[in-house]
Amino acid sequence: MKSSQKTPISLYIHWPYCLSKCPYCDFASTASSSVDEERLWSGYQRDIDRFLDNRPLSTIFLGGGTPSLMSPVFVEKIFSYIQEKMSFSDNIEVTIEANPDAIDLKKMKDFRSLGINRLSLGVQSLTPQNLLFLGRRHTVQTALNRIKEAQSVFDRVNMDLIYALPHQSATDWERELKQALSLGLTHYSLYQLTIEDNTVFGKKGVTPASDDLATDLYCLTDEIMVAAGIPSYEVSNYAAPGQECRHNLAYWLGYDYIGIGPAAHGRIGLTATQNPRTVSGWLEKGTRVETLTPRERKTEKLLMGLRLRQHWFPTDDLNQKNISKLVTCGLLEQSGQGIRPTLNGVLVLDQIVLDLMD
């Protein structure tokens, strides 16, 4: 798939394996302690060949699953093949996700030598009982050790945390969040616990914090992070100025991106790609491609773009009367550059999108 445009493009690489499946996880991943990387190679190679593009890659993101389980030799093989087919931007951002129990200092250094310059650690909690509840394999101390090691290797490190757990109080979360901030990172992904029906938690009937408490916790999080100089730039992502994840910004800003591997999605103009979720389905059936209507793509861009707290979304073709109403209600801000949600607007984004597309 070629494009004549010269604007940069992003690449997402999905790794479908973890050491174990967490009870809250709805991602396309399978627990396995032994993986046949060569079996996967043919699929990655096929996807790369299919989605060739003549624009320079501005970001690469290795997600999963737990992509830090990939051997450095396999990562090098994938990167080398990509570079044979596509060019890299001079300031390319390359991120890999890792769990504290699925990476060590040596592997970090190996990944860094391959050009990976950003690490995202799935810590999820700094409280022992919450780690146990979330089914995490690592201890708090292991997570703290990995963070310290990562800071010695990578210029940019992100930590994932999950909050709004059952029986978690505002005091509990404030204490944990301030401990996380004391580690001196410049990017934090802070997600409220959601329960999907097909997860272990969903099947057991586990319920997260009440809506009212979740709202209070979100507002508390915003207050603490702003005071720390690490405000939200997206609904669940917080960064010091200039430390935002450029790969994820590409999604939220509606830029083109390629997705390879099982369950990966892609968008090139109005072309939407989607790979089967299972490894066998992906290897056997390949990618499904469809053409979106301009309205469908515009709705997607609106859904993604209004997640951003510091970018203005253009208002062309949106319901101007409803924009004025939402601004008056304090749910949107408006300037000559467009609109963006207020803190209260973030809490009701789905309804705002419906109103704007009416």
Protein backbone atom coordinates (compact mmCIF):
# COMPACT_ATOMS: atom_id res chain seq x y z
CA MET A 1 0.00 0.00 0.00
CA LYS A 2 1.77 3.12 -1.24
CA SER A 3 1.06 6.81 -0.66
CA SER A 4 2.33 9.83 -2.53
CA GLN A 5 2.11 11.99 0.59
CA LYS A 6 5.33 12.96 2.35
CA THR A 7 3.89 13.48 5.83
CA PRO A 8 5.26 11.01 8.40
CA ILE A 9 3.45 7.81 9.24
CA SER A 10 3.45 5.59 12.35
CA LEU A 11 3.82 1.83 12.79
CA TYR A 12 2.29 -0.37 15.47
CA ILE A 13 3.65 -3.90 16.01
CA HIS A 14 1.51 -6.25 18.10
CA TRP A 15 3.08 -9.04 20.14
CA PRO A 16 0.35 -11.47 21.24
CA TYR A 17 1.93 -13.28 24.19
CA CYS A 18 2.21 -12.77 27.96
CA LEU A 19 3.59 -14.90 30.77
CA SER A 20 0.09 -14.97 32.29
CA LYS A 21 -3.30 -13.43 31.60
CA CYS A 22 -4.42 -10.75 34.06
CA PRO A 23 -8.05 -11.05 35.21
CA TYR A 24 -8.99 -7.55 34.00
CA CYS A 25 -7.30 -7.81 30.60
CA ASP A 26 -9.37 -7.64 27.41
CA PHE A 27 -6.41 -7.22 25.05
CA ALA A 28 -5.61 -9.73 22.32
CA SER A 29 -3.03 -11.79 24.18
CA THR A 30 -2.38 -15.39 25.19
CA ALA A 31 -0.41 -16.76 28.13
CA SER A 32 2.61 -18.77 26.99
CA SER A 33 6.05 -19.38 28.45
CA SER A 34 7.44 -20.64 25.14
CA VAL A 35 6.95 -18.90 21.80
CA ASP A 36 7.98 -19.97 18.31
CA GLU A 37 9.21 -16.64 16.96
CA GLU A 38 9.91 -18.09 13.53
CA ARG A 39 6.24 -19.05 13.19
CA LEU A 40 5.33 -15.40 13.73
CA TRP A 41 8.00 -14.08 11.40
CA SER A 42 6.19 -15.01 8.19
CA GLY A 43 3.15 -13.05 9.33
CA TYR A 44 5.09 -9.93 10.29
CA GLN A 45 7.02 -10.09 7.02
CA ARG A 46 3.81 -10.43 5.02
CA ASP A 47 2.20 -7.47 6.81
CA ILE A 48 5.26 -5.28 6.27
CA ASP A 49 5.31 -6.13 2.56
CA ARG A 50 1.61 -5.42 2.22
CA PHE A 51 1.62 -2.03 3.90
CA LEU A 52 4.72 -0.52 2.40
CA ASP A 53 4.60 3.26 2.38
CA ASN A 54 7.02 5.79 0.94
CA ARG A 55 6.73 8.18 3.86
CA PRO A 56 9.31 8.16 6.67
CA LEU A 57 8.27 6.39 9.86
CA SER A 58 8.01 8.94 12.64
CA THR A 59 7.11 6.49 15.42
CA ILE A 60 7.15 2.75 16.10
CA PHE A 61 5.30 1.19 19.01
CA LEU A 62 5.74 -2.43 20.12
CA GLY A 63 2.65 -3.31 22.14
CA GLY A 64 0.84 -6.39 23.30
CA GLY A 65 0.69 -8.66 25.10
CA THR A 66 4.12 -8.26 26.63
CA PRO A 67 6.51 -7.39 23.80
CA SER A 68 9.49 -7.25 26.15
CA LEU A 69 9.30 -11.07 25.97
CA MET A 70 10.59 -10.81 22.39
CA SER A 71 14.22 -11.73 22.03
CA PRO A 72 16.48 -8.83 21.02
CA VAL A 73 17.58 -10.95 18.04
CA PHE A 74 13.97 -11.16 16.84
CA VAL A 75 13.39 -7.43 17.35
CA GLU A 76 16.54 -6.71 15.35
CA LYS A 77 15.28 -9.00 12.58
CA ILE A 78 11.97 -7.12 12.39
CA PHE A 79 13.61 -3.69 12.49
CA SER A 80 16.15 -4.61 9.84
CA TYR A 81 13.43 -5.82 7.50
CA ILE A 82 11.37 -2.68 8.05
CA GLN A 83 14.39 -0.50 7.27
CA GLU A 84 14.91 -2.39 4.03
CA LYS A 85 11.41 -1.37 2.96
CA MET A 86 10.82 2.02 4.60
CA SER A 87 12.85 4.95 5.89
CA PHE A 88 13.04 6.18 9.48
CA SER A 89 12.70 9.83 10.49
CA ASP A 90 15.84 11.28 12.04
CA ASN A 91 14.08 11.80 15.38
CA ILE A 92 12.02 8.61 15.32
CA GLU A 93 10.35 7.62 18.60
CA VAL A 94 10.48 3.86 19.25
CA THR A 95 8.54 2.55 22.25
CA ILE A 96 8.32 -0.93 23.73
CA GLU A 97 5.92 -2.05 26.45
CA ALA A 98 7.26 -4.19 29.28
CA ASN A 99 6.15 -5.79 32.50
CA PRO A 100 8.53 -5.57 35.48
CA ASP A 101 8.87 -9.36 35.61
CA ALA A 102 9.48 -9.67 31.86
CA ILE A 103 12.55 -7.49 31.43
CA ASP A 104 15.89 -6.91 33.12
CA LEU A 105 18.74 -4.43 32.86
CA LYS A 106 20.61 -6.43 30.22
CA LYS A 107 17.55 -6.69 28.01
CA MET A 108 16.88 -2.98 28.41
CA LYS A 109 20.40 -2.24 27.19
CA ASP A 110 19.98 -4.66 24.28
CA PHE A 111 16.73 -2.99 23.24
CA ARG A 112 18.30 0.45 23.57
CA SER A 113 21.16 -0.60 21.28
CA LEU A 114 18.58 -1.53 18.63
CA GLY A 115 17.15 2.00 18.59
CA ILE A 116 14.32 1.63 21.11
CA ASN A 117 14.38 4.92 22.98
CA ARG A 118 11.21 4.85 25.10
CA LEU A 119 10.04 2.24 27.61
CA SER A 120 6.50 1.87 28.96
CA LEU A 121 6.33 -0.20 32.15
CA GLY A 122 3.07 -1.90 33.14
CA VAL A 123 3.42 -1.46 36.89
CA GLN A 124 -0.36 -1.09 37.51
CA SER A 125 -0.03 -0.59 41.26
CA LEU A 126 2.47 0.28 43.98
CA THR A 127 0.38 -1.42 46.66
CA PRO A 128 0.99 -5.14 47.38
CA GLN A 129 -2.66 -6.03 47.94
CA ASN A 130 -3.71 -4.29 44.72
CA LEU A 131 -1.04 -6.13 42.73
CA LEU A 132 -2.42 -9.36 44.11
CA PHE A 133 -6.00 -8.37 43.26
CA LEU A 134 -4.97 -7.41 39.71
CA GLY A 135 -3.22 -10.74 39.17
CA ARG A 136 0.19 -9.17 38.63
CA ARG A 137 3.25 -11.42 38.86
CA HIS A 138 5.73 -8.84 40.17
CA THR A 139 6.20 -7.27 43.60
CA VAL A 140 6.30 -3.56 44.40
CA GLN A 141 10.05 -3.77 44.98
CA THR A 142 10.60 -5.45 41.60
CA ALA A 143 8.66 -2.63 39.93
CA LEU A 144 10.70 0.03 41.74
CA ASN A 145 13.95 -1.71 40.74
CA ARG A 146 12.89 -1.90 37.08
CA ILE A 147 11.92 1.78 37.05
CA LYS A 148 15.31 2.79 38.42
CA GLU A 149 17.10 0.60 35.88
CA ALA A 150 14.96 1.92 33.05
CA GLN A 151 15.79 5.51 33.99
CA SER A 152 19.48 4.65 33.69
CA VAL A 153 19.03 3.31 30.14
CA PHE A 154 16.20 5.25 28.49
CA ASP A 155 15.70 8.99 28.28
CA ARG A 156 11.94 8.52 28.36
CA VAL A 157 10.10 6.10 30.66
CA ASN A 158 6.35 5.75 31.22
CA MET A 159 4.57 4.01 34.09
CA ASP A 160 1.07 2.52 33.80
CA LEU A 161 -1.13 2.53 36.91
CA ILE A 162 -4.73 1.36 37.39
CA TYR A 163 -7.03 2.98 39.93
CA ALA A 164 -10.73 3.12 40.92
CA LEU A 165 -10.43 -0.44 42.22
CA PRO A 166 -13.09 -1.96 44.47
CA HIS A 167 -12.71 -0.64 48.04
CA GLN A 168 -9.97 1.83 47.00
CA SER A 169 -10.44 5.15 48.79
CA ALA A 170 -9.40 8.60 47.66
CA THR A 171 -6.77 8.60 50.42
CA ASP A 172 -5.36 5.28 49.21
CA TRP A 173 -5.08 6.51 45.63
CA GLU A 174 -3.61 9.88 46.58
CA ARG A 175 -0.89 8.18 48.61
CA GLU A 176 -0.05 5.79 45.76
CA LEU A 177 -0.07 8.49 43.09
CA LYS A 178 2.25 10.73 45.09
CA GLN A 179 4.61 7.80 45.58
CA ALA A 180 4.62 7.30 41.81
CA LEU A 181 5.37 10.98 41.26
CA SER A 182 8.29 10.80 43.68
CA LEU A 183 10.04 8.48 41.21
CA GLY A 184 10.63 11.43 38.90
CA LEU A 185 9.15 10.13 35.65
CA THR A 186 7.92 12.57 33.01
CA HIS A 187 5.02 10.48 31.67
CA TYR A 188 2.28 8.52 33.46
CA SER A 189 -0.61 6.53 32.01
CA LEU A 190 -3.33 6.40 34.66
CA TYR A 191 -6.32 4.22 33.82
CA GLN A 192 -9.51 3.63 35.75
CA LEU A 193 -10.41 -0.04 36.12
CA THR A 194 -13.05 -1.13 33.62
CA ILE A 195 -14.63 -4.57 33.58
CA GLU A 196 -15.28 -6.29 30.25
CA ASP A 197 -17.71 -9.23 30.08
CA ASN A 198 -15.23 -11.70 28.56
CA THR A 199 -12.53 -11.19 31.19
CA VAL A 200 -12.07 -13.20 34.38
CA PHE A 201 -13.30 -10.23 36.40
CA GLY A 202 -16.34 -9.91 34.13
CA LYS A 203 -17.25 -13.56 34.51
CA LYS A 204 -16.85 -13.35 38.28
CA GLY A 205 -19.01 -10.25 38.52
CA VAL A 206 -16.28 -8.01 39.94
CA THR A 207 -17.34 -4.37 40.06
CA PRO A 208 -15.00 -1.35 40.05
CA ALA A 209 -15.47 1.78 42.13
CA SER A 210 -18.85 3.48 41.91
CA ASP A 211 -19.35 6.10 39.19
CA ASP A 212 -19.43 8.89 41.75
CA LEU A 213 -16.20 7.76 43.39
CA ALA A 214 -14.54 7.20 40.02
CA THR A 215 -15.44 10.77 39.05
CA ASP A 216 -14.02 12.10 42.31
CA LEU A 217 -10.82 10.08 41.81
CA TYR A 218 -10.42 11.39 38.26
CA CYS A 219 -10.76 14.99 39.42
CA LEU A 220 -8.34 14.32 42.29
CA THR A 221 -5.86 12.82 39.84
CA ASP A 222 -6.10 15.87 37.60
CA GLU A 223 -5.50 18.19 40.55
CA ILE A 224 -2.45 16.27 41.79
CA MET A 225 -0.88 15.91 38.35
CA VAL A 226 -1.37 19.58 37.45
CA ALA A 227 0.26 20.60 40.75
CA ALA A 228 3.20 18.30 39.91
CA GLY A 229 3.70 19.99 36.52
CA ILE A 230 2.60 16.84 34.66
CA PRO A 231 -0.88 17.71 33.38
CA SER A 232 -3.10 15.48 31.27
CA TYR A 233 -2.72 15.87 27.54
CA GLU A 234 -5.22 13.05 26.93
CA VAL A 235 -7.99 11.53 29.04
CA SER A 236 -5.71 9.00 30.78
CA ASN A 237 -2.22 10.22 29.89
CA TYR A 238 -0.15 12.81 31.72
CA ALA A 239 3.18 14.26 30.69
CA ALA A 240 5.62 17.03 31.39
CA PRO A 241 5.72 19.54 28.49
CA GLY A 242 7.42 17.95 25.47
CA GLN A 243 7.30 14.43 26.93
CA GLU A 244 4.00 13.33 25.37
CA CYS A 245 3.97 9.96 23.57
CA ARG A 246 4.19 10.97 19.91
CA HIS A 247 2.97 7.58 18.71
CA ASN A 248 -0.28 7.77 20.64
CA LEU A 249 -0.69 11.41 19.61
CA ALA A 250 -0.68 10.17 16.01
CA TYR A 251 -3.82 8.14 16.78
CA TRP A 252 -5.56 10.92 18.64
CA LEU A 253 -4.72 13.55 16.02
CA GLY A 254 -6.06 11.35 13.23
CA TYR A 255 -2.76 10.75 11.43
CA ASP A 256 -2.11 7.69 9.27
CA TYR A 257 -0.65 4.58 10.85
CA ILE A 258 0.14 0.99 9.90
CA GLY A 259 -0.69 -1.93 12.18
CA ILE A 260 1.05 -5.30 11.86
CA GLY A 261 0.61 -8.49 13.85
CA PRO A 262 -2.52 -10.21 15.20
CA ALA A 263 -5.34 -7.85 16.26
CA ALA A 264 -3.51 -4.82 14.85
CA HIS A 265 -5.49 -2.02 13.18
CA GLY A 266 -4.36 0.54 10.64
CA ARG A 267 -5.63 3.73 8.98
CA ILE A 268 -4.30 5.13 5.70
CA GLY A 269 -6.60 7.87 4.51
CA LEU A 270 -10.03 6.24 4.25
CA THR A 271 -8.55 2.73 4.16
CA ALA A 272 -9.08 0.78 7.38
CA THR A 273 -7.20 -2.44 8.07
CA GLN A 274 -7.85 -5.02 10.78
CA ASN A 275 -6.04 -8.26 11.50
CA PRO A 276 -7.70 -11.29 13.12
CA ARG A 277 -7.26 -11.40 16.91
CA THR A 278 -5.78 -14.91 17.15
CA VAL A 279 -2.34 -15.87 15.90
CA SER A 280 -3.71 -18.77 13.84
CA GLY A 281 -6.43 -16.60 12.29
CA TRP A 282 -3.90 -13.90 11.47
CA LEU A 283 -1.46 -16.33 9.88
CA GLU A 284 -4.17 -18.13 7.88
CA LYS A 285 -6.53 -15.35 6.85
CA GLY A 286 -4.42 -12.22 6.75
CA THR A 287 -5.72 -8.67 6.88
CA ARG A 288 -9.27 -7.47 6.33
CA VAL A 289 -9.38 -4.18 4.39
CA GLU A 290 -12.35 -1.86 4.04
CA THR A 291 -12.94 1.66 2.80
CA LEU A 292 -14.55 4.05 5.25
CA THR A 293 -16.93 6.79 4.20
CA PRO A 294 -15.72 10.35 4.83
CA ARG A 295 -18.32 10.66 7.60
CA GLU A 296 -17.18 7.45 9.29
CA ARG A 297 -13.58 8.63 9.32
CA LYS A 298 -14.62 12.07 10.53
CA THR A 299 -16.54 10.49 13.41
CA GLU A 300 -13.48 8.41 14.30
CA LYS A 301 -11.29 11.51 14.28
CA LEU A 302 -13.78 13.36 16.47
CA LEU A 303 -13.95 10.47 18.97
CA MET A 304 -10.16 10.37 19.16
CA GLY A 305 -9.42 14.09 18.85
CA LEU A 306 -11.70 15.17 21.68
CA ARG A 307 -9.73 12.92 24.05
CA LEU A 308 -6.94 15.50 23.85
CA ARG A 309 -6.89 18.17 26.54
CA GLN A 310 -4.35 20.55 24.99
CA HIS A 311 -5.15 20.41 21.26
CA TRP A 312 -7.91 22.27 19.46
CA PHE A 313 -10.23 20.23 17.25
CA PRO A 314 -11.49 22.00 14.08
CA THR A 315 -15.22 22.70 14.05
CA ASP A 316 -15.93 22.46 10.31
CA ASP A 317 -19.13 20.50 9.60
CA LEU A 318 -19.93 20.08 13.29
CA ASN A 319 -23.20 21.17 14.86
CA GLN A 320 -22.45 24.82 15.64
CA LYS A 321 -25.59 25.31 17.74
CA ASN A 322 -24.66 22.39 19.97
CA ILE A 323 -21.08 23.66 20.22
CA SER A 324 -22.38 26.92 21.66
CA LYS A 325 -24.62 25.02 24.08
CA LEU A 326 -21.77 22.77 25.24
CA VAL A 327 -19.49 25.79 25.73
CA THR A 328 -22.18 27.52 27.78
CA CYS A 329 -22.61 24.38 29.89
CA GLY A 330 -18.87 24.37 30.63
CA LEU A 331 -18.20 21.10 28.80
CA LEU A 332 -16.17 22.58 25.92
CA GLU A 333 -13.70 25.42 25.47
CA GLN A 334 -13.68 27.28 22.16
CA SER A 335 -11.13 29.48 20.43
CA GLY A 336 -10.38 30.58 16.90
CA GLN A 337 -8.50 27.30 16.48
CA GLY A 338 -11.39 25.03 17.41
CA ILE A 339 -12.76 23.25 20.50
CA ARG A 340 -11.47 21.04 23.27
CA PRO A 341 -13.09 19.43 26.32
CA THR A 342 -12.97 20.88 29.81
CA LEU A 343 -12.36 18.62 32.79
CA ASN A 344 -16.13 18.21 33.17
CA GLY A 345 -16.43 17.56 29.44
CA VAL A 346 -13.99 14.67 29.61
CA LEU A 347 -16.41 12.91 31.95
CA VAL A 348 -19.18 12.90 29.30
CA LEU A 349 -17.20 12.67 26.07
CA ASP A 350 -19.42 10.08 24.38
CA GLN A 351 -22.48 12.30 24.70
CA ILE A 352 -20.54 15.33 23.47
CA VAL A 353 -19.53 13.46 20.30
CA LEU A 354 -23.15 12.51 19.64
CA ASP A 355 -24.23 16.12 20.05
CA LEU A 356 -21.51 17.44 17.73
CA MET A 357 -22.24 14.94 14.94
CA ASP A 358 -25.99 15.57 15.07
